[in-house]
Amino acid sequence: MTAVPTVTLNDGTEIPQFGFGVWQVPAEDAERVVSKALEVGYRHIDTAAVYGNEEGVGRAIAASGIPRDELYVTTKLWVSDFGRAEARAAMETSLEKLGLDRVDLYLTHWPAPATDQYLRAWEGLEDIAEAGLSTSIGVSNHLEEHLDRIVALGGRTPAVNQIEIHPYLQQREVVEANQKHGIATEAWSPLAQGQVFDESAVRAAAEAHGVTPAQAVIRWHLQQDRILFPKSVTDERIAANFDVFGFELTDAELEAIDGLEKGGRLGPNPAEFNPGS
């Protein structure tokens, strides 16, 4: 089986650099697609409470027969549960749905800065880690000012910041802020929902190595030390996306894809997104 590289987090644990995401995977499809991903060789699964598919992910994990210590499971705390006590209750609900006694990584999903509750949520995640319900804790969609305030609390530093990154939106300032604090960068929507596949820089790299545009973009991420988890519900693409360890892009190819930056955000702006407020 292909050995996926790992990244060492600031808490000393290791996370597989490449995994499988289930954002927007319908609940009724989650068990099937996660089972396929595990069969192909993925061992890192990324879900969230708000995705509504934790039960399906849990059923696939249980049916796989793969030892728990060979799997890496991430889920996330939704903003309606921000608060120390609320975070613990939400974590326990997620664990029940997943059929697990712990996850490997628990993230706050958005900062929702208008509520200013992400700091209390972070304290809740620290409690969760102390209780052994999540091995590592981190954040998602946090900007530099959000990270600085969390670090200033004087407790744990997030192990991970999961943000939207793809060739059209590379978020270099946030990546630099992550690096400043020793926080690993995870990329969501790493393929820009396929919008970059017709770009000449992507197609040229793919053709040069006899791979698909998706595979070329995945290599672009991997060679820049980002953690990522593309999503697909198609068996062939789930398998193809995992087949990315037999080639490397050249420096020129990496630079050409870097040049596609245009501030092309597909999701909400974390500075302005305040769900439920």
C-alpha atoms as a PDB file:
ATOM      1  CA  MET A   1       0.000   0.000   0.000  1.00  0.00           C
ATOM      2  CA  THR A   2       1.169   3.545  -0.785  1.00  0.00           C
ATOM      3  CA  ALA A   3       2.816   5.231   2.183  1.00  0.00           C
ATOM      4  CA  VAL A   4       1.333   8.707   2.625  1.00  0.00           C
ATOM      5  CA  PRO A   5       3.804  11.277   3.995  1.00  0.00           C
ATOM      6  CA  THR A   6       3.086  12.691   7.439  1.00  0.00           C
ATOM      7  CA  VAL A   7       3.464  16.172   8.908  1.00  0.00           C
ATOM      8  CA  THR A   8       4.608  16.608  12.501  1.00  0.00           C
ATOM      9  CA  LEU A   9       2.334  19.026  14.348  1.00  0.00           C
ATOM     10  CA  ASN A  10       3.397  21.472  17.048  1.00  0.00           C
ATOM     11  CA  ASP A  11       2.075  19.121  19.749  1.00  0.00           C
ATOM     12  CA  GLY A  12       4.481  16.386  18.614  1.00  0.00           C
ATOM     13  CA  THR A  13       1.868  14.192  16.913  1.00  0.00           C
ATOM     14  CA  GLU A  14       1.847  13.236  13.239  1.00  0.00           C
ATOM     15  CA  ILE A  15      -0.932  13.763  10.714  1.00  0.00           C
ATOM     16  CA  PRO A  16      -1.155  12.125   7.265  1.00  0.00           C
ATOM     17  CA  GLN A  17      -0.518  14.876   4.733  1.00  0.00           C
ATOM     18  CA  PHE A  18      -3.152  13.572   2.359  1.00  0.00           C
ATOM     19  CA  GLY A  19      -6.682  12.541   3.199  1.00  0.00           C
ATOM     20  CA  PHE A  20     -10.306  12.366   2.122  1.00  0.00           C
ATOM     21  CA  GLY A  21     -12.879  15.108   2.726  1.00  0.00           C
ATOM     22  CA  VAL A  22     -16.646  14.683   2.906  1.00  0.00           C
ATOM     23  CA  TRP A  23     -17.897  18.275   2.690  1.00  0.00           C
ATOM     24  CA  GLN A  24     -21.194  18.307   0.775  1.00  0.00           C
ATOM     25  CA  VAL A  25     -21.291  14.510   0.627  1.00  0.00           C
ATOM     26  CA  PRO A  26     -24.954  13.617   1.294  1.00  0.00           C
ATOM     27  CA  ALA A  27     -25.538  11.597   4.450  1.00  0.00           C
ATOM     28  CA  GLU A  28     -26.895   8.692   2.409  1.00  0.00           C
ATOM     29  CA  ASP A  29     -23.684   8.547   0.324  1.00  0.00           C
ATOM     30  CA  ALA A  30     -21.107   9.042   3.069  1.00  0.00           C
ATOM     31  CA  GLU A  31     -20.728   5.408   4.088  1.00  0.00           C
ATOM     32  CA  ARG A  32     -20.211   4.282   0.487  1.00  0.00           C
ATOM     33  CA  VAL A  33     -17.660   6.921  -0.492  1.00  0.00           C
ATOM     34  CA  VAL A  34     -15.668   6.700   2.746  1.00  0.00           C
ATOM     35  CA  SER A  35     -15.616   2.912   2.436  1.00  0.00           C
ATOM     36  CA  LYS A  36     -14.229   3.307  -1.081  1.00  0.00           C
ATOM     37  CA  ALA A  37     -11.619   5.798   0.116  1.00  0.00           C
ATOM     38  CA  LEU A  38     -10.468   3.454   2.874  1.00  0.00           C
ATOM     39  CA  GLU A  39     -10.320   0.587   0.380  1.00  0.00           C
ATOM     40  CA  VAL A  40      -8.119   2.681  -1.932  1.00  0.00           C
ATOM     41  CA  GLY A  41      -5.726   3.490   0.901  1.00  0.00           C
ATOM     42  CA  TYR A  42      -6.810   6.779   2.459  1.00  0.00           C
ATOM     43  CA  ARG A  43      -6.376   6.757   6.226  1.00  0.00           C
ATOM     44  CA  HIS A  44      -7.183  10.397   7.018  1.00  0.00           C
ATOM     45  CA  ILE A  45     -10.882  11.355   6.970  1.00  0.00           C
ATOM     46  CA  ASP A  46     -12.097  14.936   7.458  1.00  0.00           C
ATOM     47  CA  THR A  47     -15.728  15.593   8.431  1.00  0.00           C
ATOM     48  CA  ALA A  48     -17.664  18.116  10.546  1.00  0.00           C
ATOM     49  CA  ALA A  49     -20.779  18.274  12.680  1.00  0.00           C
ATOM     50  CA  VAL A  50     -22.476  20.674  10.279  1.00  0.00           C
ATOM     51  CA  TYR A  51     -21.876  18.347   7.302  1.00  0.00           C
ATOM     52  CA  GLY A  52     -24.556  16.040   8.685  1.00  0.00           C
ATOM     53  CA  ASN A  53     -22.684  12.881   7.662  1.00  0.00           C
ATOM     54  CA  GLU A  54     -20.720  11.851  10.747  1.00  0.00           C
ATOM     55  CA  GLU A  55     -22.888   8.729  11.161  1.00  0.00           C
ATOM     56  CA  GLY A  56     -22.058   7.528   7.651  1.00  0.00           C
ATOM     57  CA  VAL A  57     -18.371   8.161   8.219  1.00  0.00           C
ATOM     58  CA  GLY A  58     -18.574   6.190  11.458  1.00  0.00           C
ATOM     59  CA  ARG A  59     -20.316   3.248   9.801  1.00  0.00           C
ATOM     60  CA  ALA A  60     -17.627   3.106   7.103  1.00  0.00           C
ATOM     61  CA  ILE A  61     -14.870   3.167   9.715  1.00  0.00           C
ATOM     62  CA  ALA A  62     -16.521   0.411  11.726  1.00  0.00           C
ATOM     63  CA  ALA A  63     -17.104  -1.766   8.664  1.00  0.00           C
ATOM     64  CA  SER A  64     -13.542  -1.326   7.382  1.00  0.00           C
ATOM     65  CA  GLY A  65     -11.921  -3.455  10.063  1.00  0.00           C
ATOM     66  CA  ILE A  66      -8.916  -1.112   9.966  1.00  0.00           C
ATOM     67  CA  PRO A  67      -7.299  -0.776  13.409  1.00  0.00           C
ATOM     68  CA  ARG A  68      -8.173   2.536  15.046  1.00  0.00           C
ATOM     69  CA  ASP A  69      -4.541   3.532  15.474  1.00  0.00           C
ATOM     70  CA  GLU A  70      -4.084   3.353  11.691  1.00  0.00           C
ATOM     71  CA  LEU A  71      -6.812   5.937  11.064  1.00  0.00           C
ATOM     72  CA  TYR A  72      -6.797   9.714  11.471  1.00  0.00           C
ATOM     73  CA  VAL A  73     -10.215  11.286  11.970  1.00  0.00           C
ATOM     74  CA  THR A  74     -11.018  15.001  12.073  1.00  0.00           C
ATOM     75  CA  THR A  75     -14.334  16.647  12.891  1.00  0.00           C
ATOM     76  CA  LYS A  76     -15.323  20.224  13.687  1.00  0.00           C
ATOM     77  CA  LEU A  77     -17.287  22.318  16.176  1.00  0.00           C
ATOM     78  CA  TRP A  78     -20.036  24.459  14.646  1.00  0.00           C
ATOM     79  CA  VAL A  79     -20.439  28.068  15.752  1.00  0.00           C
ATOM     80  CA  SER A  80     -23.812  27.469  17.432  1.00  0.00           C
ATOM     81  CA  ASP A  81     -21.920  25.402  20.017  1.00  0.00           C
ATOM     82  CA  PHE A  82     -19.194  27.938  20.780  1.00  0.00           C
ATOM     83  CA  GLY A  83     -18.562  28.073  24.527  1.00  0.00           C
ATOM     84  CA  ARG A  84     -16.679  25.890  26.997  1.00  0.00           C
ATOM     85  CA  ALA A  85     -19.564  23.699  28.162  1.00  0.00           C
ATOM     86  CA  GLU A  86     -21.268  23.718  24.770  1.00  0.00           C
ATOM     87  CA  ALA A  87     -18.092  22.541  23.032  1.00  0.00           C
ATOM     88  CA  ARG A  88     -17.773  19.521  25.322  1.00  0.00           C
ATOM     89  CA  ALA A  89     -21.404  18.517  24.704  1.00  0.00           C
ATOM     90  CA  ALA A  90     -20.976  18.932  20.940  1.00  0.00           C
ATOM     91  CA  MET A  91     -17.811  16.835  20.991  1.00  0.00           C
ATOM     92  CA  GLU A  92     -19.609  14.033  22.817  1.00  0.00           C
ATOM     93  CA  THR A  93     -22.433  14.140  20.255  1.00  0.00           C
ATOM     94  CA  SER A  94     -19.948  13.897  17.382  1.00  0.00           C
ATOM     95  CA  LEU A  95     -18.156  10.976  19.018  1.00  0.00           C
ATOM     96  CA  GLU A  96     -21.453   9.154  19.463  1.00  0.00           C
ATOM     97  CA  LYS A  97     -22.334   9.672  15.802  1.00  0.00           C
ATOM     98  CA  LEU A  98     -18.864   8.574  14.676  1.00  0.00           C
ATOM     99  CA  GLY A  99     -18.890   5.563  16.986  1.00  0.00           C
ATOM    100  CA  LEU A 100     -15.511   6.571  18.431  1.00  0.00           C
ATOM    101  CA  ASP A 101     -14.172   7.297  21.886  1.00  0.00           C
ATOM    102  CA  ARG A 102     -11.864  10.027  20.576  1.00  0.00           C
ATOM    103  CA  VAL A 103     -10.942  11.852  17.385  1.00  0.00           C
ATOM    104  CA  ASP A 104      -7.434  12.676  16.284  1.00  0.00           C
ATOM    105  CA  LEU A 105      -8.148  16.337  15.523  1.00  0.00           C
ATOM    106  CA  TYR A 106     -10.998  18.643  16.560  1.00  0.00           C
ATOM    107  CA  LEU A 107     -11.349  22.082  14.968  1.00  0.00           C
ATOM    108  CA  THR A 108     -13.457  25.161  15.528  1.00  0.00           C
ATOM    109  CA  HIS A 109     -15.165  25.587  12.157  1.00  0.00           C
ATOM    110  CA  TRP A 110     -15.236  29.402  11.669  1.00  0.00           C
ATOM    111  CA  PRO A 111     -14.230  32.290  13.928  1.00  0.00           C
ATOM    112  CA  ALA A 112     -17.602  34.086  13.464  1.00  0.00           C
ATOM    113  CA  PRO A 113     -15.918  37.284  14.719  1.00  0.00           C
ATOM    114  CA  ALA A 114     -19.138  39.256  15.220  1.00  0.00           C
ATOM    115  CA  THR A 115     -20.016  36.972  18.129  1.00  0.00           C
ATOM    116  CA  ASP A 116     -16.467  37.095  19.559  1.00  0.00           C
ATOM    117  CA  GLN A 117     -17.066  33.650  21.046  1.00  0.00           C
ATOM    118  CA  TYR A 118     -14.250  31.836  19.242  1.00  0.00           C
ATOM    119  CA  LEU A 119     -11.956  32.442  22.219  1.00  0.00           C
ATOM    120  CA  ARG A 120     -14.393  30.698  24.574  1.00  0.00           C
ATOM    121  CA  ALA A 121     -14.742  27.925  22.011  1.00  0.00           C
ATOM    122  CA  TRP A 122     -10.984  27.532  21.992  1.00  0.00           C
ATOM    123  CA  GLU A 123     -10.942  27.175  25.769  1.00  0.00           C
ATOM    124  CA  GLY A 124     -13.569  24.462  25.326  1.00  0.00           C
ATOM    125  CA  LEU A 125     -11.294  22.646  22.890  1.00  0.00           C
ATOM    126  CA  GLU A 126      -8.449  22.834  25.392  1.00  0.00           C
ATOM    127  CA  ASP A 127     -10.728  21.147  27.934  1.00  0.00           C
ATOM    128  CA  ILE A 128     -11.609  18.494  25.362  1.00  0.00           C
ATOM    129  CA  ALA A 129      -7.942  17.772  24.695  1.00  0.00           C
ATOM    130  CA  GLU A 130      -7.224  17.547  28.425  1.00  0.00           C
ATOM    131  CA  ALA A 131     -10.048  15.027  28.734  1.00  0.00           C
ATOM    132  CA  GLY A 132      -8.516  12.882  25.983  1.00  0.00           C
ATOM    133  CA  LEU A 133     -11.490  13.239  23.638  1.00  0.00           C
ATOM    134  CA  SER A 134      -9.288  14.672  20.870  1.00  0.00           C
ATOM    135  CA  THR A 135      -5.581  14.047  20.506  1.00  0.00           C
ATOM    136  CA  SER A 136      -4.949  17.384  18.783  1.00  0.00           C
ATOM    137  CA  ILE A 137      -6.957  20.589  18.491  1.00  0.00           C
ATOM    138  CA  GLY A 138      -6.961  23.353  15.925  1.00  0.00           C
ATOM    139  CA  VAL A 139      -9.003  25.908  14.043  1.00  0.00           C
ATOM    140  CA  SER A 140     -10.469  26.426  10.601  1.00  0.00           C
ATOM    141  CA  ASN A 141     -10.818  29.592   8.526  1.00  0.00           C
ATOM    142  CA  HIS A 142      -8.967  31.777  11.036  1.00  0.00           C
ATOM    143  CA  LEU A 143      -7.156  34.914   9.894  1.00  0.00           C
ATOM    144  CA  GLU A 144      -3.987  36.323  11.459  1.00  0.00           C
ATOM    145  CA  GLU A 145      -5.861  38.513  13.946  1.00  0.00           C
ATOM    146  CA  HIS A 146      -7.891  35.526  15.157  1.00  0.00           C
ATOM    147  CA  LEU A 147      -4.780  33.390  15.582  1.00  0.00           C
ATOM    148  CA  ASP A 148      -2.947  36.145  17.463  1.00  0.00           C
ATOM    149  CA  ARG A 149      -5.791  36.480  19.970  1.00  0.00           C
ATOM    150  CA  ILE A 150      -5.934  32.727  20.586  1.00  0.00           C
ATOM    151  CA  VAL A 151      -2.180  32.491  21.109  1.00  0.00           C
ATOM    152  CA  ALA A 152      -2.344  35.496  23.454  1.00  0.00           C
ATOM    153  CA  LEU A 153      -4.611  33.504  25.775  1.00  0.00           C
ATOM    154  CA  GLY A 154      -1.443  31.731  26.861  1.00  0.00           C
ATOM    155  CA  GLY A 155      -2.745  28.185  26.586  1.00  0.00           C
ATOM    156  CA  ARG A 156      -2.341  25.792  23.714  1.00  0.00           C
ATOM    157  CA  THR A 157      -1.464  26.996  20.229  1.00  0.00           C
ATOM    158  CA  PRO A 158      -3.673  25.498  17.506  1.00  0.00           C
ATOM    159  CA  ALA A 159      -1.992  22.563  15.810  1.00  0.00           C
ATOM    160  CA  VAL A 160      -3.727  23.212  12.488  1.00  0.00           C
ATOM    161  CA  ASN A 161      -5.510  26.008  10.628  1.00  0.00           C
ATOM    162  CA  GLN A 162      -7.705  24.631   7.854  1.00  0.00           C
ATOM    163  CA  ILE A 163      -8.330  27.314   5.216  1.00  0.00           C
ATOM    164  CA  GLU A 164      -9.476  27.629   1.637  1.00  0.00           C
ATOM    165  CA  ILE A 165      -6.411  27.240  -0.583  1.00  0.00           C
ATOM    166  CA  HIS A 166      -6.170  26.446  -4.282  1.00  0.00           C
ATOM    167  CA  PRO A 167      -4.319  27.995  -7.239  1.00  0.00           C
ATOM    168  CA  TYR A 168      -6.810  30.875  -7.468  1.00  0.00           C
ATOM    169  CA  LEU A 169      -6.616  31.695  -3.720  1.00  0.00           C
ATOM    170  CA  GLN A 170      -3.308  30.966  -2.004  1.00  0.00           C
ATOM    171  CA  GLN A 171      -3.794  33.068   1.169  1.00  0.00           C
ATOM    172  CA  ARG A 172      -0.101  33.753   1.562  1.00  0.00           C
ATOM    173  CA  GLU A 173      -0.601  36.144   4.502  1.00  0.00           C
ATOM    174  CA  VAL A 174      -2.550  33.549   6.478  1.00  0.00           C
ATOM    175  CA  VAL A 175      -0.005  30.853   5.613  1.00  0.00           C
ATOM    176  CA  GLU A 176       2.763  33.144   6.903  1.00  0.00           C
ATOM    177  CA  ALA A 177       0.787  33.739  10.099  1.00  0.00           C
ATOM    178  CA  ASN A 178       0.416  29.983  10.525  1.00  0.00           C
ATOM    179  CA  GLN A 179       4.148  29.550  10.073  1.00  0.00           C
ATOM    180  CA  LYS A 180       4.860  32.317  12.592  1.00  0.00           C
ATOM    181  CA  HIS A 181       2.970  30.375  15.238  1.00  0.00           C
ATOM    182  CA  GLY A 182       4.140  26.909  14.168  1.00  0.00           C
ATOM    183  CA  ILE A 183       0.638  26.017  12.959  1.00  0.00           C
ATOM    184  CA  ALA A 184       0.256  23.529  10.101  1.00  0.00           C
ATOM    185  CA  THR A 185      -1.767  24.673   7.093  1.00  0.00           C
ATOM    186  CA  GLU A 186      -4.562  22.469   5.767  1.00  0.00           C
ATOM    187  CA  ALA A 187      -6.228  23.250   2.449  1.00  0.00           C
ATOM    188  CA  TRP A 188      -9.950  22.866   1.895  1.00  0.00           C
ATOM    189  CA  SER A 189     -11.421  23.020  -1.612  1.00  0.00           C
ATOM    190  CA  PRO A 190      -7.858  22.288  -2.822  1.00  0.00           C
ATOM    191  CA  LEU A 191      -8.966  21.704  -6.423  1.00  0.00           C
ATOM    192  CA  ALA A 192     -11.071  24.889  -6.620  1.00  0.00           C
ATOM    193  CA  GLN A 193     -14.033  22.641  -7.434  1.00  0.00           C
ATOM    194  CA  GLY A 194     -12.366  21.866 -10.754  1.00  0.00           C
ATOM    195  CA  GLN A 195     -12.352  25.482 -11.926  1.00  0.00           C
ATOM    196  CA  VAL A 196      -8.567  25.529 -12.453  1.00  0.00           C
ATOM    197  CA  PHE A 197      -8.369  22.378 -14.571  1.00  0.00           C
ATOM    198  CA  ASP A 198      -8.462  24.229 -17.892  1.00  0.00           C
ATOM    199  CA  GLU A 199      -5.700  26.662 -16.960  1.00  0.00           C
ATOM    200  CA  SER A 200      -2.711  26.258 -19.282  1.00  0.00           C
ATOM    201  CA  ALA A 201      -0.277  25.992 -16.339  1.00  0.00           C
ATOM    202  CA  VAL A 202      -2.251  23.088 -14.880  1.00  0.00           C
ATOM    203  CA  ARG A 203      -2.817  21.337 -18.193  1.00  0.00           C
ATOM    204  CA  ALA A 204       0.849  21.655 -19.188  1.00  0.00           C
ATOM    205  CA  ALA A 205       2.004  20.139 -15.886  1.00  0.00           C
ATOM    206  CA  ALA A 206      -0.521  17.318 -16.192  1.00  0.00           C
ATOM    207  CA  GLU A 207       0.447  16.516 -19.782  1.00  0.00           C
ATOM    208  CA  ALA A 208       4.155  16.597 -18.982  1.00  0.00           C
ATOM    209  CA  HIS A 209       3.708  13.866 -16.375  1.00  0.00           C
ATOM    210  CA  GLY A 210       0.906  11.895 -18.008  1.00  0.00           C
ATOM    211  CA  VAL A 211      -1.541  12.629 -15.185  1.00  0.00           C
ATOM    212  CA  THR A 212      -4.887  14.363 -14.775  1.00  0.00           C
ATOM    213  CA  PRO A 213      -5.203  18.080 -13.971  1.00  0.00           C
ATOM    214  CA  ALA A 214      -6.528  17.119 -10.530  1.00  0.00           C
ATOM    215  CA  GLN A 215      -3.445  15.004  -9.856  1.00  0.00           C
ATOM    216  CA  ALA A 216      -1.189  17.876 -10.939  1.00  0.00           C
ATOM    217  CA  VAL A 217      -2.909  20.299  -8.541  1.00  0.00           C
ATOM    218  CA  ILE A 218      -2.707  17.788  -5.702  1.00  0.00           C
ATOM    219  CA  ARG A 219       1.056  17.493  -6.276  1.00  0.00           C
ATOM    220  CA  TRP A 220       1.315  21.301  -6.241  1.00  0.00           C
ATOM    221  CA  HIS A 221      -0.163  21.264  -2.741  1.00  0.00           C
ATOM    222  CA  LEU A 222       1.877  18.305  -1.489  1.00  0.00           C
ATOM    223  CA  GLN A 223       5.177  19.792  -2.654  1.00  0.00           C
ATOM    224  CA  GLN A 224       4.425  22.956  -0.685  1.00  0.00           C
ATOM    225  CA  ASP A 225       3.974  20.924   2.520  1.00  0.00           C
ATOM    226  CA  ARG A 226       0.264  21.549   2.867  1.00  0.00           C
ATOM    227  CA  ILE A 227      -2.158  18.994   4.276  1.00  0.00           C
ATOM    228  CA  LEU A 228      -5.114  18.457   1.956  1.00  0.00           C
ATOM    229  CA  PHE A 229      -8.121  16.227   1.374  1.00  0.00           C
ATOM    230  CA  PRO A 230      -9.887  16.491  -1.969  1.00  0.00           C
ATOM    231  CA  LYS A 231     -13.477  15.281  -2.118  1.00  0.00           C
ATOM    232  CA  SER A 232     -15.171  13.116  -4.722  1.00  0.00           C
ATOM    233  CA  VAL A 233     -18.174  10.816  -4.770  1.00  0.00           C
ATOM    234  CA  THR A 234     -16.965   9.003  -7.901  1.00  0.00           C
ATOM    235  CA  ASP A 235     -15.032   5.761  -7.351  1.00  0.00           C
ATOM    236  CA  GLU A 236     -12.654   6.401 -10.256  1.00  0.00           C
ATOM    237  CA  ARG A 237     -11.771   9.907  -9.071  1.00  0.00           C
ATOM    238  CA  ILE A 238     -11.385   8.790  -5.457  1.00  0.00           C
ATOM    239  CA  ALA A 239      -8.786   6.288  -6.665  1.00  0.00           C
ATOM    240  CA  ALA A 240      -7.123   8.642  -9.158  1.00  0.00           C
ATOM    241  CA  ASN A 241      -6.758  11.428  -6.594  1.00  0.00           C
ATOM    242  CA  PHE A 242      -4.814   9.036  -4.351  1.00  0.00           C
ATOM    243  CA  ASP A 243      -2.435   8.030  -7.162  1.00  0.00           C
ATOM    244  CA  VAL A 244      -0.150  11.058  -6.811  1.00  0.00           C
ATOM    245  CA  PHE A 245       3.023   9.681  -5.278  1.00  0.00           C
ATOM    246  CA  GLY A 246       4.798   8.491  -8.417  1.00  0.00           C
ATOM    247  CA  PHE A 247       5.785  11.852  -9.882  1.00  0.00           C
ATOM    248  CA  GLU A 248       6.914  15.344  -8.874  1.00  0.00           C
ATOM    249  CA  LEU A 249       6.329  18.722 -10.468  1.00  0.00           C
ATOM    250  CA  THR A 250       9.357  20.766 -11.474  1.00  0.00           C
ATOM    251  CA  ASP A 251      10.120  24.138  -9.899  1.00  0.00           C
ATOM    252  CA  ALA A 252       8.977  25.814 -13.115  1.00  0.00           C
ATOM    253  CA  GLU A 253       5.680  23.948 -13.059  1.00  0.00           C
ATOM    254  CA  LEU A 254       5.111  24.885  -9.409  1.00  0.00           C
ATOM    255  CA  GLU A 255       5.842  28.539 -10.174  1.00  0.00           C
ATOM    256  CA  ALA A 256       3.486  28.544 -13.152  1.00  0.00           C
ATOM    257  CA  ILE A 257       0.624  27.261 -10.984  1.00  0.00           C
ATOM    258  CA  ASP A 258       1.583  29.767  -8.271  1.00  0.00           C
ATOM    259  CA  GLY A 259       1.027  32.433 -10.909  1.00  0.00           C
ATOM    260  CA  LEU A 260      -2.690  31.649 -11.125  1.00  0.00           C
ATOM    261  CA  GLU A 261      -3.433  33.575  -7.909  1.00  0.00           C
ATOM    262  CA  LYS A 262      -6.306  36.035  -8.382  1.00  0.00           C
ATOM    263  CA  GLY A 263      -7.996  36.261  -5.005  1.00  0.00           C
ATOM    264  CA  GLY A 264     -10.649  33.877  -6.271  1.00  0.00           C
ATOM    265  CA  ARG A 265     -12.392  32.976  -3.033  1.00  0.00           C
ATOM    266  CA  LEU A 266     -15.066  30.282  -3.456  1.00  0.00           C
ATOM    267  CA  GLY A 267     -16.280  30.260   0.138  1.00  0.00           C
ATOM    268  CA  PRO A 268     -17.143  33.017   2.632  1.00  0.00           C
ATOM    269  CA  ASN A 269     -14.682  35.619   3.876  1.00  0.00           C
ATOM    270  CA  PRO A 270     -13.802  34.685   7.482  1.00  0.00           C
ATOM    271  CA  ALA A 271     -13.637  38.365   8.446  1.00  0.00           C
ATOM    272  CA  GLU A 272     -17.317  38.776   7.535  1.00  0.00           C
ATOM    273  CA  PHE A 273     -18.932  35.340   7.840  1.00  0.00           C
ATOM    274  CA  ASN A 274     -21.037  35.088  10.991  1.00  0.00           C
ATOM    275  CA  PRO A 275     -23.453  32.172  10.618  1.00  0.00           C
ATOM    276  CA  GLY A 276     -26.325  32.253  13.050  1.00  0.00           C
ATOM    277  CA  SER A 277     -25.509  35.683  14.449  1.00  0.00           C
END
